[in-house]
Protein backbone atom coordinates (compact mmCIF):
# COMPACT_ATOMS: atom_id res chain seq x y z
CA MET A 1 -0.63 -22.65 9.01
CA ALA A 2 -1.92 -21.22 12.07
CA GLN A 3 -5.59 -19.70 11.57
CA LEU A 4 -5.21 -16.42 9.36
CA PRO A 5 -6.43 -13.50 12.18
CA GLU A 6 -9.72 -11.51 11.22
CA LEU A 7 -9.37 -9.36 8.00
CA PHE A 8 -12.22 -8.52 6.12
CA ASP A 9 -15.68 -7.76 6.31
CA LEU A 10 -17.12 -8.96 2.99
CA SER A 11 -20.68 -7.81 3.10
CA ARG A 12 -19.09 -4.50 1.94
CA LEU A 13 -17.73 -6.01 -1.27
CA PRO A 14 -19.53 -4.09 -4.29
CA ALA A 15 -21.67 -6.78 -5.56
CA ALA A 16 -19.80 -7.28 -8.63
CA TRP A 17 -16.58 -8.06 -6.78
CA ALA A 18 -18.75 -11.34 -4.58
CA GLY A 19 -16.49 -14.15 -3.97
CA LEU A 20 -13.41 -12.17 -5.47
CA ILE A 21 -11.59 -12.81 -1.53
CA ASP A 22 -11.31 -16.23 0.20
CA PRO A 23 -10.23 -15.01 3.95
CA THR A 24 -8.45 -18.26 4.23
CA THR A 25 -6.20 -18.03 1.58
CA PRO A 26 -6.64 -13.97 0.57
CA TRP A 27 -3.89 -13.97 -1.67
CA THR A 28 -5.92 -15.83 -4.02
CA ALA A 29 -7.75 -12.68 -4.41
CA LEU A 30 -5.27 -11.51 -7.37
CA ALA A 31 -5.74 -14.00 -9.67
CA ARG A 32 -9.46 -13.76 -9.52
CA MET A 33 -8.59 -10.14 -9.97
CA ASP A 34 -6.75 -10.87 -13.19
CA ALA A 35 -9.87 -12.83 -14.18
CA LEU A 36 -12.47 -9.89 -13.64
CA LEU A 37 -10.27 -7.29 -15.19
CA ALA A 38 -10.52 -9.79 -18.18
CA GLY A 39 -13.22 -8.76 -19.18
CA ILE A 40 -12.58 -4.48 -18.55
CA ALA A 41 -13.48 -2.73 -21.24
CA GLU A 42 -12.22 1.19 -21.84
CA ARG A 43 -14.76 3.41 -20.35
CA LEU A 44 -14.15 6.81 -19.29
CA ASP A 45 -17.01 7.92 -17.14
CA GLY A 46 -15.38 9.83 -14.34
CA GLU A 47 -12.64 12.59 -14.36
CA ALA A 48 -9.22 12.86 -15.82
CA HIS A 49 -6.89 15.44 -16.24
CA PRO A 50 -5.64 16.47 -19.35
CA THR A 51 -2.46 15.90 -18.53
CA ALA A 52 -2.73 12.53 -17.05
CA VAL A 53 -2.06 9.36 -19.64
CA ILE A 54 -4.08 6.47 -19.61
CA GLU A 55 -3.35 3.65 -21.47
CA GLY A 56 -4.71 0.30 -22.15
CA PRO A 57 -8.53 -0.77 -20.73
CA VAL A 58 -9.46 1.96 -17.84
CA TRP A 59 -13.11 1.61 -16.38
CA LEU A 60 -13.58 5.22 -14.61
CA GLU A 61 -16.49 5.00 -12.93
CA ALA A 62 -18.48 8.45 -12.90
CA GLY A 63 -17.37 10.11 -9.62
CA ALA A 64 -14.19 8.70 -9.95
CA HIS A 65 -10.80 11.15 -10.19
CA ILE A 66 -7.17 10.88 -12.30
CA GLY A 67 -5.01 13.98 -11.57
CA PRO A 68 -2.65 15.72 -13.29
CA TYR A 69 0.55 13.80 -14.54
CA ALA A 70 -0.39 10.33 -13.29
CA TYR A 71 -0.22 7.12 -15.35
CA VAL A 72 -2.82 4.23 -15.22
CA GLN A 73 -2.11 1.11 -17.48
CA GLY A 74 -5.06 -1.13 -17.86
CA PRO A 75 -6.32 -3.12 -16.88
CA ALA A 76 -7.96 -1.35 -14.10
CA TRP A 77 -11.56 -0.61 -12.62
CA ILE A 78 -11.60 2.60 -10.99
CA MET A 79 -14.95 2.85 -8.36
CA ALA A 80 -17.12 6.17 -7.86
CA GLY A 81 -15.27 8.01 -5.59
CA ALA A 82 -11.96 6.90 -6.12
CA GLN A 83 -8.86 9.29 -6.68
CA VAL A 84 -5.61 8.96 -8.47
CA GLY A 85 -3.92 11.61 -7.60
CA HIS A 86 -0.65 13.97 -9.10
CA ALA A 87 2.05 11.98 -10.63
CA ALA A 88 0.70 8.43 -9.07
CA MET A 89 1.25 5.33 -11.08
CA LEU A 90 -1.01 1.96 -11.53
CA ARG A 91 -0.22 -0.94 -13.69
CA GLY A 92 -0.07 -4.50 -13.57
CA GLY A 93 -3.44 -4.64 -12.89
CA VAL A 94 -5.59 -2.74 -10.18
CA LEU A 95 -8.89 -2.74 -8.55
CA MET A 96 -9.55 0.24 -6.38
CA GLY A 97 -12.74 0.17 -4.55
CA PRO A 98 -14.92 3.73 -3.91
CA ARG A 99 -13.47 6.12 -1.77
CA SER A 100 -10.11 4.36 -2.21
CA LYS A 101 -6.73 6.59 -2.96
CA VAL A 102 -3.75 6.50 -4.37
CA GLY A 103 -2.03 9.82 -3.87
CA HIS A 104 1.26 12.03 -4.52
CA ALA A 105 4.18 9.57 -6.20
CA SER A 106 2.38 6.68 -4.75
CA GLU A 107 2.25 3.68 -7.12
CA ALA A 108 0.23 0.36 -7.30
CA LYS A 109 1.20 -2.34 -9.02
CA HIS A 110 -1.39 -5.36 -9.63
CA SER A 111 -3.08 -4.98 -6.48
CA LEU A 112 -6.18 -4.68 -4.88
CA LEU A 113 -7.36 -1.69 -3.00
CA LEU A 114 -11.16 -2.32 -0.75
CA GLY A 115 -13.27 0.66 -0.50
CA GLY A 116 -12.21 4.08 1.80
CA ALA A 117 -8.21 2.20 1.31
CA GLN A 118 -5.43 5.04 1.72
CA VAL A 119 -2.28 5.25 -0.54
CA PRO A 120 -1.45 8.59 -0.23
CA HIS A 121 2.32 9.64 -0.09
CA PHE A 122 5.48 8.29 -1.81
CA ASN A 123 3.96 5.03 -1.14
CA TYR A 124 4.57 1.18 -3.19
CA VAL A 125 2.07 -1.57 -2.89
CA GLY A 126 2.96 -4.13 -5.25
CA ASP A 127 0.85 -7.54 -5.49
CA ALA A 128 -1.21 -6.81 -2.25
CA VAL A 129 -4.64 -7.12 -0.99
CA ILE A 130 -5.67 -3.57 1.03
CA GLY A 131 -8.74 -3.80 3.28
CA HIS A 132 -11.50 -1.04 3.76
CA ASP A 133 -9.94 2.07 5.48
CA VAL A 134 -7.07 1.06 5.67
CA ASN A 135 -4.54 4.07 6.03
CA LEU A 136 -0.69 4.14 4.76
CA GLY A 137 1.63 6.41 6.11
CA ALA A 138 3.55 8.40 4.17
CA GLY A 139 6.85 6.45 2.56
CA VAL A 140 5.26 3.20 3.31
CA LYS A 141 6.69 0.15 1.50
CA LEU A 142 4.73 -2.95 0.54
CA ALA A 143 8.00 -5.08 -0.51
CA ASN A 144 6.44 -7.93 -3.00
CA LEU A 145 9.23 -9.96 -3.94
CA ARG A 146 12.04 -12.02 -1.56
CA VAL A 147 15.45 -11.03 -1.00
CA MET A 148 16.37 -14.70 -1.87
CA PRO A 149 15.20 -17.09 -4.35
CA GLY A 150 12.14 -18.55 -4.01
CA GLY A 151 8.18 -17.88 -3.66
CA VAL A 152 6.48 -15.92 -1.17
CA ALA A 153 5.19 -18.34 2.03
CA VAL A 154 2.15 -16.79 4.32
CA GLY A 155 2.13 -18.09 7.96
CA GLY A 156 4.95 -21.08 6.89
CA VAL A 157 2.66 -21.90 3.81
CA PRO A 158 4.06 -21.41 0.29
CA THR A 159 1.63 -19.38 -1.96
CA GLY A 160 3.04 -20.61 -5.11
CA LEU A 161 3.91 -17.13 -5.68
CA ARG A 162 6.88 -15.38 -6.95
CA LYS A 163 5.81 -12.19 -6.30
CA LEU A 164 3.20 -11.01 -3.27
CA GLY A 165 2.92 -8.38 -1.17
CA ALA A 166 1.31 -7.56 2.05
CA ILE A 167 -2.43 -8.36 2.87
CA LEU A 168 -3.89 -5.46 5.09
CA GLY A 169 -7.25 -5.99 7.23
CA ASP A 170 -9.84 -3.85 7.44
CA GLY A 171 -9.02 -0.48 9.37
CA VAL A 172 -5.00 -1.34 9.48
CA SER A 173 -2.80 1.91 9.98
CA ILE A 174 0.88 1.54 8.99
CA GLY A 175 3.09 4.63 10.33
CA CYS A 176 5.58 6.60 8.03
CA ASN A 177 8.01 4.85 6.63
CA ALA A 178 7.46 1.36 7.90
CA VAL A 179 8.37 -1.53 5.59
CA LEU A 180 6.57 -4.98 5.26
CA ALA A 181 8.14 -7.81 3.90
CA PRO A 182 6.52 -10.04 1.22
CA GLY A 183 3.54 -11.99 2.33
CA THR A 184 3.11 -10.20 5.69
CA VAL A 185 -0.40 -10.10 6.92
CA ILE A 186 -1.94 -7.94 9.86
CA GLY A 187 -5.15 -8.59 11.18
CA ARG A 188 -8.06 -6.32 11.31
CA GLY A 189 -7.38 -3.00 12.91
CA THR A 190 -4.05 -3.34 13.87
CA ILE A 191 -1.99 0.06 14.00
CA VAL A 192 2.12 -0.57 13.30
CA TYR A 193 4.42 2.67 14.46
CA ASP A 194 6.30 4.71 12.43
CA GLY A 195 9.81 3.31 10.84
CA ALA A 196 8.96 -0.61 11.80
CA SER A 197 9.69 -3.13 9.72
CA VAL A 198 7.28 -6.23 9.49
CA ARG A 199 7.36 -9.47 8.99
CA GLY A 200 4.72 -12.74 9.59
CA VAL A 201 1.47 -13.06 10.33
CA VAL A 202 -0.22 -10.29 12.85
CA PRO A 203 -3.26 -10.59 15.04
CA ALA A 204 -6.30 -8.12 14.59
CA ARG A 205 -6.62 -5.50 16.88
CA CYS A 206 -2.98 -4.96 18.33
CA ILE A 207 -0.05 -2.31 18.39
CA VAL A 208 3.03 -3.36 16.95
CA LYS A 209 5.70 -0.75 18.34
CA HIS A 210 8.71 0.57 17.51
CA ARG A 211 10.83 2.62 19.57
CA PRO A 212 14.43 3.13 18.46
CA THR A 213 16.38 4.42 21.48
CA LEU A 214 18.16 8.05 21.09
CA GLU A 215 21.11 9.38 22.27
CA ILE A 216 21.62 12.86 22.74
CA VAL A 217 24.88 14.60 23.77
CA GLU A 218 26.53 17.80 24.24
CA ARG A 219 27.49 19.45 20.94
CA LEU A 220 31.81 20.22 21.08
CA ASP A 221 32.75 23.64 19.71
CA PRO A 222 35.51 22.75 17.67
CA GLY A 223 37.07 26.49 18.52
CA ALA A 224 37.00 25.46 22.42
CA ALA A 225 38.25 22.00 21.84
CA ARG A 226 41.51 23.50 20.99
CA GLY A 227 41.96 25.90 23.45
CA GLY A 228 42.07 28.87 21.73
CA GLY A 229 39.96 31.89 19.99
CA GLN A 230 36.28 32.68 20.13
CA GLY A 231 33.77 29.48 20.22
CA GLY A 232 30.91 30.29 17.89
CA ALA A 233 32.29 32.61 15.34
CA THR A 234 30.80 32.55 11.79
CA GLY A 235 32.88 32.99 8.86
CA GLY A 236 32.08 35.72 6.25
């Protein structure tokens, strides 16, 4: 496998998460996350809206917030300043770092969100590692399951995982409605245009451009095309 791009500032990890991420095999953070969450006990020190549903062991730190009609299925660790928005869903084991967000109608499944990561509107994040201060535009999907049978590879190297979403370095920004294929790795500070479909390993500090061609043609009036009547008339 070619060397992966620069991804994370590991000095920013909370002390309790030290050793969670190996930059040479970042997907192994998901297994380490499972081990860390195995010791979580229910502790709701933060604010949870009365309509939110919380099941299983969830540690909601003081200063963290779960909004109305959200569903949080433990184990989950939601750190101070993190937000789970209206009608959001967390399941399958989730770590949310300080100031991270899973917002309106978004779903995070078996994923690690580092500090400041934003998953704010109509997003799906499955089996993924999301770096510090990453922002996903509305409707971005991080797919985690191959269409064809077999496990997910990163840069041509098998991970041994049937399900693996994207691994996004610190400061990555993904435009609205983009889709990232299973095992996609995007280096630190890279920007992906809206509507793009991305796979493979993308270097740090780049722009992934997606420029669909639009054709604009004259609108034909049906009445004028028949050679009679007055065009543009509206029915009663």
